């Protein structure tokens, strides 16, 4: 059984720490990491909420004052099954 490859292989993984919350938000986006950083920086500088859309089209809005950290990095391709590589 084969798995379907995504059309866009370049995905960005975003990890957001929220104050007063025990867990972090994990969002996988089709935007390039530089674009995500620009959006986050612009939102923080303006004092507005950060709005991000994940690969499934779900929208997440994070209040600016509740963010403790944001980590942006390239998403690693997940391998399924037994592979020799």
PDB file of N, CA and C in Angstrom:
ATOM      1  N   UNK A   1       0.844  -1.165   0.000  1.00  0.00           N
ATOM      2  CA  UNK A   1       0.000   0.000   0.000  1.00  0.00           C
ATOM      3  C   UNK A   1       0.894   1.234   0.000  1.00  0.00           C
ATOM      4  N   UNK A   2       0.617   2.156  -0.873  1.00  0.00           N
ATOM      5  CA  UNK A   2       1.420   3.376  -0.995  1.00  0.00           C
ATOM      6  C   UNK A   2       0.664   4.547  -0.388  1.00  0.00           C
ATOM      7  N   UNK A   3       1.423   5.513   0.068  1.00  0.00           N
ATOM      8  CA  UNK A   3       0.802   6.729   0.591  1.00  0.00           C
ATOM      9  C   UNK A   3       0.852   7.804  -0.470  1.00  0.00           C
ATOM     10  N   UNK A   4      -0.137   8.678  -0.454  1.00  0.00           N
ATOM     11  CA  UNK A   4      -0.227   9.747  -1.431  1.00  0.00           C
ATOM     12  C   UNK A   4       0.743  10.862  -1.076  1.00  0.00           C
ATOM     13  N   UNK A   5       1.552  11.261  -2.036  1.00  0.00           N
ATOM     14  CA  UNK A   5       2.468  12.374  -1.821  1.00  0.00           C
ATOM     15  C   UNK A   5       1.695  13.668  -1.961  1.00  0.00           C
ATOM     16  N   UNK A   6       2.032  14.633  -1.138  1.00  0.00           N
ATOM     17  CA  UNK A   6       1.358  15.921  -1.224  1.00  0.00           C
ATOM     18  C   UNK A   6       1.896  16.701  -2.412  1.00  0.00           C
ATOM     19  N   UNK A   7       1.069  17.585  -2.949  1.00  0.00           N
ATOM     20  CA  UNK A   7       1.468  18.392  -4.090  1.00  0.00           C
ATOM     21  C   UNK A   7       2.563  19.372  -3.692  1.00  0.00           C
ATOM     22  N   UNK A   8       2.473  19.896  -2.489  1.00  0.00           N
ATOM     23  CA  UNK A   8       3.468  20.847  -2.005  1.00  0.00           C
ATOM     24  C   UNK A   8       4.326  20.178  -0.945  1.00  0.00           C
ATOM     25  N   UNK A   9       5.594  19.950  -1.277  1.00  0.00           N
ATOM     26  CA  UNK A   9       6.449  19.251  -0.335  1.00  0.00           C
ATOM     27  C   UNK A   9       7.079  20.195   0.687  1.00  0.00           C
ATOM     28  N   UNK A  10       7.118  21.499   0.378  1.00  0.00           N
ATOM     29  CA  UNK A  10       7.713  22.472   1.298  1.00  0.00           C
ATOM     30  C   UNK A  10       6.645  22.966   2.268  1.00  0.00           C
ATOM     31  N   UNK A  11       6.694  22.477   3.473  1.00  0.00           N
ATOM     32  CA  UNK A  11       5.756  22.893   4.508  1.00  0.00           C
ATOM     33  C   UNK A  11       6.534  23.429   5.681  1.00  0.00           C
ATOM     34  N   UNK A  12       5.899  24.330   6.405  1.00  0.00           N
ATOM     35  CA  UNK A  12       6.529  24.942   7.558  1.00  0.00           C
ATOM     36  C   UNK A  12       5.789  24.523   8.813  1.00  0.00           C
ATOM     37  N   UNK A  13       6.534  24.100   9.808  1.00  0.00           N
ATOM     38  CA  UNK A  13       5.961  23.722  11.092  1.00  0.00           C
ATOM     39  C   UNK A  13       6.104  24.906  12.045  1.00  0.00           C
ATOM     40  N   UNK A  14       4.991  25.270  12.674  1.00  0.00           N
ATOM     41  CA  UNK A  14       4.969  26.415  13.584  1.00  0.00           C
ATOM     42  C   UNK A  14       4.555  25.914  14.956  1.00  0.00           C
ATOM     43  N   UNK A  15       5.341  26.250  15.962  1.00  0.00           N
ATOM     44  CA  UNK A  15       5.050  25.864  17.343  1.00  0.00           C
ATOM     45  C   UNK A  15       4.889  27.156  18.130  1.00  0.00           C
ATOM     46  N   UNK A  16       3.740  27.318  18.790  1.00  0.00           N
ATOM     47  CA  UNK A  16       3.431  28.556  19.497  1.00  0.00           C
ATOM     48  C   UNK A  16       3.148  28.258  20.958  1.00  0.00           C
ATOM     49  N   UNK A  17       3.876  28.922  21.833  1.00  0.00           N
ATOM     50  CA  UNK A  17       3.641  28.810  23.262  1.00  0.00           C
ATOM     51  C   UNK A  17       2.632  29.873  23.689  1.00  0.00           C
ATOM     52  N   UNK A  18       1.644  29.463  24.451  1.00  0.00           N
ATOM     53  CA  UNK A  18       0.598  30.364  24.926  1.00  0.00           C
ATOM     54  C   UNK A  18       0.746  30.509  26.434  1.00  0.00           C
ATOM     55  N   UNK A  19       0.716  31.763  26.916  1.00  0.00           N
ATOM     56  CA  UNK A  19       0.817  31.986  28.353  1.00  0.00           C
ATOM     57  C   UNK A  19      -0.397  31.392  29.056  1.00  0.00           C
ATOM     58  N   UNK A  20      -0.189  30.880  30.241  1.00  0.00           N
ATOM     59  CA  UNK A  20      -1.228  30.278  31.064  1.00  0.00           C
ATOM     60  C   UNK A  20      -1.872  29.044  30.422  1.00  0.00           C
ATOM     61  N   UNK A  21      -1.169  28.388  29.498  1.00  0.00           N
ATOM     62  CA  UNK A  21      -1.667  27.159  28.875  1.00  0.00           C
ATOM     63  C   UNK A  21      -0.573  26.097  28.982  1.00  0.00           C
ATOM     64  N   UNK A  22      -0.923  24.887  29.408  1.00  0.00           N
ATOM     65  CA  UNK A  22       0.093  23.853  29.603  1.00  0.00           C
ATOM     66  C   UNK A  22       0.652  23.271  28.306  1.00  0.00           C
ATOM     67  N   UNK A  23      -0.085  23.384  27.199  1.00  0.00           N
ATOM     68  CA  UNK A  23       0.378  22.811  25.943  1.00  0.00           C
ATOM     69  C   UNK A  23       0.616  23.906  24.920  1.00  0.00           C
ATOM     70  N   UNK A  24       1.377  23.547  23.893  1.00  0.00           N
ATOM     71  CA  UNK A  24       1.681  24.472  22.809  1.00  0.00           C
ATOM     72  C   UNK A  24       0.774  24.193  21.623  1.00  0.00           C
ATOM     73  N   UNK A  25       0.617  25.198  20.763  1.00  0.00           N
ATOM     74  CA  UNK A  25      -0.098  25.010  19.500  1.00  0.00           C
ATOM     75  C   UNK A  25       0.902  24.531  18.459  1.00  0.00           C
ATOM     76  N   UNK A  26       0.507  23.541  17.665  1.00  0.00           N
ATOM     77  CA  UNK A  26       1.338  23.069  16.563  1.00  0.00           C
ATOM     78  C   UNK A  26       0.537  23.254  15.289  1.00  0.00           C
ATOM     79  N   UNK A  27       1.088  24.036  14.373  1.00  0.00           N
ATOM     80  CA  UNK A  27       0.413  24.315  13.110  1.00  0.00           C
ATOM     81  C   UNK A  27       1.374  23.990  11.982  1.00  0.00           C
ATOM     82  N   UNK A  28       0.893  23.272  10.968  1.00  0.00           N
ATOM     83  CA  UNK A  28       1.686  22.992   9.786  1.00  0.00           C
ATOM     84  C   UNK A  28       1.097  23.810   8.646  1.00  0.00           C
ATOM     85  N   UNK A  29       1.905  24.675   8.052  1.00  0.00           N
ATOM     86  CA  UNK A  29       1.438  25.612   7.038  1.00  0.00           C
ATOM     87  C   UNK A  29       2.148  25.384   5.718  1.00  0.00           C
ATOM     88  N   UNK A  30       1.491  25.760   4.628  1.00  0.00           N
ATOM     89  CA  UNK A  30       2.107  25.664   3.308  1.00  0.00           C
ATOM     90  C   UNK A  30       2.913  26.912   2.973  1.00  0.00           C
ATOM     91  N   UNK A  31       2.879  27.916   3.843  1.00  0.00           N
ATOM     92  CA  UNK A  31       3.670  29.128   3.633  1.00  0.00           C
ATOM     93  C   UNK A  31       5.142  28.847   3.890  1.00  0.00           C
ATOM     94  N   UNK A  32       6.004  29.595   3.226  1.00  0.00           N
ATOM     95  CA  UNK A  32       7.437  29.477   3.486  1.00  0.00           C
ATOM     96  C   UNK A  32       7.740  30.082   4.849  1.00  0.00           C
ATOM     97  N   UNK A  33       8.804  29.610   5.489  1.00  0.00           N
ATOM     98  CA  UNK A  33       9.120  30.071   6.845  1.00  0.00           C
ATOM     99  C   UNK A  33       9.365  31.576   6.899  1.00  0.00           C
ATOM    100  N   UNK A  34       9.966  32.159   5.867  1.00  0.00           N
ATOM    101  CA  UNK A  34      10.201  33.607   5.849  1.00  0.00           C
ATOM    102  C   UNK A  34       8.893  34.375   5.847  1.00  0.00           C
ATOM    103  N   UNK A  35       7.893  33.871   5.124  1.00  0.00           N
ATOM    104  CA  UNK A  35       6.575  34.515   5.068  1.00  0.00           C
ATOM    105  C   UNK A  35       5.882  34.420   6.427  1.00  0.00           C
ATOM    106  N   UNK A  36       5.995  33.268   7.090  1.00  0.00           N
ATOM    107  CA  UNK A  36       5.396  33.102   8.422  1.00  0.00           C
ATOM    108  C   UNK A  36       6.036  34.077   9.404  1.00  0.00           C
ATOM    109  N   UNK A  37       7.359  34.181   9.366  1.00  0.00           N
ATOM    110  CA  UNK A  37       8.061  35.096  10.269  1.00  0.00           C
ATOM    111  C   UNK A  37       7.638  36.535  10.005  1.00  0.00           C
ATOM    112  N   UNK A  38       7.476  36.915   8.727  1.00  0.00           N
ATOM    113  CA  UNK A  38       7.041  38.271   8.391  1.00  0.00           C
ATOM    114  C   UNK A  38       5.635  38.546   8.914  1.00  0.00           C
ATOM    115  N   UNK A  39       4.720  37.579   8.764  1.00  0.00           N
ATOM    116  CA  UNK A  39       3.349  37.745   9.268  1.00  0.00           C
ATOM    117  C   UNK A  39       3.322  37.883  10.781  1.00  0.00           C
ATOM    118  N   UNK A  40       4.071  37.043  11.462  1.00  0.00           N
ATOM    119  CA  UNK A  40       4.111  37.066  12.926  1.00  0.00           C
ATOM    120  C   UNK A  40       4.720  38.372  13.426  1.00  0.00           C
ATOM    121  N   UNK A  41       5.819  38.786  12.815  1.00  0.00           N
ATOM    122  CA  UNK A  41       6.485  40.023  13.221  1.00  0.00           C
ATOM    123  C   UNK A  41       5.583  41.235  13.004  1.00  0.00           C
ATOM    124  N   UNK A  42       4.905  41.281  11.864  1.00  0.00           N
ATOM    125  CA  UNK A  42       3.992  42.397  11.578  1.00  0.00           C
ATOM    126  C   UNK A  42       2.844  42.442  12.583  1.00  0.00           C
ATOM    127  N   UNK A  43       2.302  41.279  12.936  1.00  0.00           N
ATOM    128  CA  UNK A  43       1.200  41.231  13.901  1.00  0.00           C
ATOM    129  C   UNK A  43       1.660  41.665  15.289  1.00  0.00           C
ATOM    130  N   UNK A  44       2.831  41.210  15.691  1.00  0.00           N
ATOM    131  CA  UNK A  44       3.355  41.578  17.012  1.00  0.00           C
ATOM    132  C   UNK A  44       3.655  43.074  17.065  1.00  0.00           C
ATOM    133  N   UNK A  45       4.279  43.609  16.009  1.00  0.00           N
ATOM    134  CA  UNK A  45       4.613  45.037  15.971  1.00  0.00           C
ATOM    135  C   UNK A  45       3.368  45.927  15.983  1.00  0.00           C
ATOM    136  N   UNK A  46       2.290  45.463  15.345  1.00  0.00           N
ATOM    137  CA  UNK A  46       1.062  46.263  15.272  1.00  0.00           C
ATOM    138  C   UNK A  46       0.169  46.070  16.496  1.00  0.00           C
ATOM    139  N   UNK A  47       0.460  45.029  17.300  1.00  0.00           N
ATOM    140  CA  UNK A  47      -0.364  44.765  18.476  1.00  0.00           C
ATOM    141  C   UNK A  47      -1.646  44.015  18.156  1.00  0.00           C
ATOM    142  N   UNK A  48      -1.775  43.505  16.935  1.00  0.00           N
ATOM    143  CA  UNK A  48      -2.984  42.778  16.521  1.00  0.00           C
ATOM    144  C   UNK A  48      -2.806  41.280  16.720  1.00  0.00           C
ATOM    145  N   UNK A  49      -3.893  40.548  16.618  1.00  0.00           N
ATOM    146  CA  UNK A  49      -3.862  39.085  16.724  1.00  0.00           C
ATOM    147  C   UNK A  49      -3.149  38.489  15.521  1.00  0.00           C
ATOM    148  N   UNK A  50      -2.617  37.289  15.712  1.00  0.00           N
ATOM    149  CA  UNK A  50      -1.954  36.565  14.632  1.00  0.00           C
ATOM    150  C   UNK A  50      -2.933  35.541  14.078  1.00  0.00           C
ATOM    151  N   UNK A  51      -3.109  35.542  12.768  1.00  0.00           N
ATOM    152  CA  UNK A  51      -4.014  34.612  12.107  1.00  0.00           C
ATOM    153  C   UNK A  51      -3.201  33.736  11.162  1.00  0.00           C
ATOM    154  N   UNK A  52      -3.266  32.423  11.378  1.00  0.00           N
ATOM    155  CA  UNK A  52      -2.531  31.463  10.550  1.00  0.00           C
ATOM    156  C   UNK A  52      -3.494  30.400  10.029  1.00  0.00           C
ATOM    157  N   UNK A  53      -3.262  29.937   8.807  1.00  0.00           N
ATOM    158  CA  UNK A  53      -4.059  28.882   8.195  1.00  0.00           C
ATOM    159  C   UNK A  53      -3.184  27.653   8.020  1.00  0.00           C
ATOM    160  N   UNK A  54      -3.703  26.484   8.459  1.00  0.00           N
ATOM    161  CA  UNK A  54      -2.919  25.257   8.346  1.00  0.00           C
ATOM    162  C   UNK A  54      -3.131  24.592   6.987  1.00  0.00           C
ATOM    163  N   UNK A  55      -2.488  23.454   6.770  1.00  0.00           N
ATOM    164  CA  UNK A  55      -2.540  22.761   5.485  1.00  0.00           C
ATOM    165  C   UNK A  55      -3.920  22.207   5.163  1.00  0.00           C
ATOM    166  N   UNK A  56      -4.772  22.060   6.169  1.00  0.00           N
ATOM    167  CA  UNK A  56      -6.139  21.568   5.944  1.00  0.00           C
ATOM    168  C   UNK A  56      -7.139  22.705   5.785  1.00  0.00           C
ATOM    169  N   UNK A  57      -6.658  23.952   5.821  1.00  0.00           N
ATOM    170  CA  UNK A  57      -7.530  25.105   5.633  1.00  0.00           C
ATOM    171  C   UNK A  57      -8.149  25.642   6.913  1.00  0.00           C
ATOM    172  N   UNK A  58      -7.775  25.076   8.061  1.00  0.00           N
ATOM    173  CA  UNK A  58      -8.299  25.557   9.335  1.00  0.00           C
ATOM    174  C   UNK A  58      -7.578  26.837   9.728  1.00  0.00           C
ATOM    175  N   UNK A  59      -8.327  27.802  10.237  1.00  0.00           N
ATOM    176  CA  UNK A  59      -7.770  29.100  10.611  1.00  0.00           C
ATOM    177  C   UNK A  59      -7.633  29.162  12.126  1.00  0.00           C
ATOM    178  N   UNK A  60      -6.455  29.599  12.585  1.00  0.00           N
ATOM    179  CA  UNK A  60      -6.195  29.765  14.007  1.00  0.00           C
ATOM    180  C   UNK A  60      -5.877  31.232  14.260  1.00  0.00           C
ATOM    181  N   UNK A  61      -6.573  31.829  15.226  1.00  0.00           N
ATOM    182  CA  UNK A  61      -6.339  33.214  15.607  1.00  0.00           C
ATOM    183  C   UNK A  61      -5.787  33.212  17.029  1.00  0.00           C
ATOM    184  N   UNK A  62      -4.627  33.835  17.213  1.00  0.00           N
ATOM    185  CA  UNK A  62      -3.973  33.862  18.523  1.00  0.00           C
ATOM    186  C   UNK A  62      -3.884  35.312  18.988  1.00  0.00           C
ATOM    187  N   UNK A  63      -4.435  35.628  20.165  1.00  0.00           N
ATOM    188  CA  UNK A  63      -4.322  36.988  20.690  1.00  0.00           C
ATOM    189  C   UNK A  63      -2.861  37.352  20.935  1.00  0.00           C
ATOM    190  N   UNK A  64      -2.487  38.520  20.529  1.00  0.00           N
ATOM    191  CA  UNK A  64      -1.104  38.970  20.609  1.00  0.00           C
ATOM    192  C   UNK A  64      -0.548  38.912  22.028  1.00  0.00           C
ATOM    193  N   UNK A  65      -1.313  39.309  23.022  1.00  0.00           N
ATOM    194  CA  UNK A  65      -0.843  39.355  24.400  1.00  0.00           C
ATOM    195  C   UNK A  65      -0.684  38.004  25.067  1.00  0.00           C
ATOM    196  N   UNK A  66      -1.126  36.927  24.432  1.00  0.00           N
ATOM    197  CA  UNK A  66      -1.058  35.586  25.020  1.00  0.00           C
ATOM    198  C   UNK A  66       0.098  34.748  24.498  1.00  0.00           C
ATOM    199  N   UNK A  67       0.912  35.289  23.602  1.00  0.00           N
ATOM    200  CA  UNK A  67       2.001  34.526  22.996  1.00  0.00           C
ATOM    201  C   UNK A  67       3.242  34.614  23.872  1.00  0.00           C
ATOM    202  N   UNK A  68       3.798  33.446  24.222  1.00  0.00           N
ATOM    203  CA  UNK A  68       5.040  33.441  24.992  1.00  0.00           C
ATOM    204  C   UNK A  68       6.243  33.182  24.081  1.00  0.00           C
ATOM    205  N   UNK A  69       6.069  32.386  23.006  1.00  0.00           N
ATOM    206  CA  UNK A  69       7.134  32.184  22.019  1.00  0.00           C
ATOM    207  C   UNK A  69       6.540  31.612  20.747  1.00  0.00           C
ATOM    208  N   UNK A  70       7.278  31.774  19.662  1.00  0.00           N
ATOM    209  CA  UNK A  70       6.912  31.164  18.381  1.00  0.00           C
ATOM    210  C   UNK A  70       8.172  30.560  17.778  1.00  0.00           C
ATOM    211  N   UNK A  71       8.078  29.285  17.416  1.00  0.00           N
ATOM    212  CA  UNK A  71       9.190  28.579  16.775  1.00  0.00           C
ATOM    213  C   UNK A  71       8.763  28.205  15.364  1.00  0.00           C
ATOM    214  N   UNK A  72       9.582  28.560  14.380  1.00  0.00           N
ATOM    215  CA  UNK A  72       9.261  28.298  12.982  1.00  0.00           C
ATOM    216  C   UNK A  72      10.383  27.460  12.386  1.00  0.00           C
ATOM    217  N   UNK A  73      10.011  26.382  11.686  1.00  0.00           N
ATOM    218  CA  UNK A  73      11.015  25.524  11.055  1.00  0.00           C
ATOM    219  C   UNK A  73      10.401  24.707   9.945  1.00  0.00           C
ATOM    220  N   UNK A  74      11.249  24.124   9.139  1.00  0.00           N
ATOM    221  CA  UNK A  74      10.777  23.281   8.052  1.00  0.00           C
ATOM    222  C   UNK A  74      10.213  21.983   8.614  1.00  0.00           C
ATOM    223  N   UNK A  75       9.108  21.561   8.070  1.00  0.00           N
ATOM    224  CA  UNK A  75       8.465  20.331   8.496  1.00  0.00           C
ATOM    225  C   UNK A  75       9.172  19.140   7.875  1.00  0.00           C
ATOM    226  N   UNK A  76       9.491  18.157   8.703  1.00  0.00           N
ATOM    227  CA  UNK A  76      10.143  16.945   8.210  1.00  0.00           C
ATOM    228  C   UNK A  76       9.095  16.033   7.592  1.00  0.00           C
ATOM    229  N   UNK A  77       9.440  15.418   6.472  1.00  0.00           N
ATOM    230  CA  UNK A  77       8.518  14.494   5.828  1.00  0.00           C
ATOM    231  C   UNK A  77       8.381  13.251   6.691  1.00  0.00           C
ATOM    232  N   UNK A  78       7.139  12.865   6.948  1.00  0.00           N
ATOM    233  CA  UNK A  78       6.905  11.691   7.783  1.00  0.00           C
ATOM    234  C   UNK A  78       6.919  10.446   6.908  1.00  0.00           C
ATOM    235  N   UNK A  79       7.648   9.447   7.353  1.00  0.00           N
ATOM    236  CA  UNK A  79       7.723   8.200   6.613  1.00  0.00           C
ATOM    237  C   UNK A  79       6.791   7.187   7.255  1.00  0.00           C
ATOM    238  N   UNK A  80       6.129   6.422   6.427  1.00  0.00           N
ATOM    239  CA  UNK A  80       5.180   5.432   6.893  1.00  0.00           C
ATOM    240  C   UNK A  80       5.649   4.066   6.440  1.00  0.00           C
ATOM    241  N   UNK A  81       5.588   3.094   7.323  1.00  0.00           N
ATOM    242  CA  UNK A  81       5.927   1.735   6.949  1.00  0.00           C
ATOM    243  C   UNK A  81       7.403   1.428   7.153  1.00  0.00           C
ATOM    244  N   UNK A  82       7.838   0.340   6.561  1.00  0.00           N
ATOM    245  CA  UNK A  82       9.219  -0.101   6.693  1.00  0.00           C
ATOM    246  C   UNK A  82       9.966   0.306   5.434  1.00  0.00           C
ATOM    247  N   UNK A  83      10.975   1.137   5.626  1.00  0.00           N
ATOM    248  CA  UNK A  83      11.729   1.619   4.453  1.00  0.00           C
ATOM    249  C   UNK A  83      13.215   1.446   4.690  1.00  0.00           C
ATOM    250  N   UNK A  84      13.911   1.154   3.654  1.00  0.00           N
ATOM    251  CA  UNK A  84      15.381   1.083   3.721  1.00  0.00           C
ATOM    252  C   UNK A  84      15.927   2.327   3.049  1.00  0.00           C
ATOM    253  N   UNK A  85      16.308   3.286   3.865  1.00  0.00           N
ATOM    254  CA  UNK A  85      16.859   4.524   3.281  1.00  0.00           C
ATOM    255  C   UNK A  85      17.810   5.169   4.212  1.00  0.00           C
TER     256      UNK A  85
END
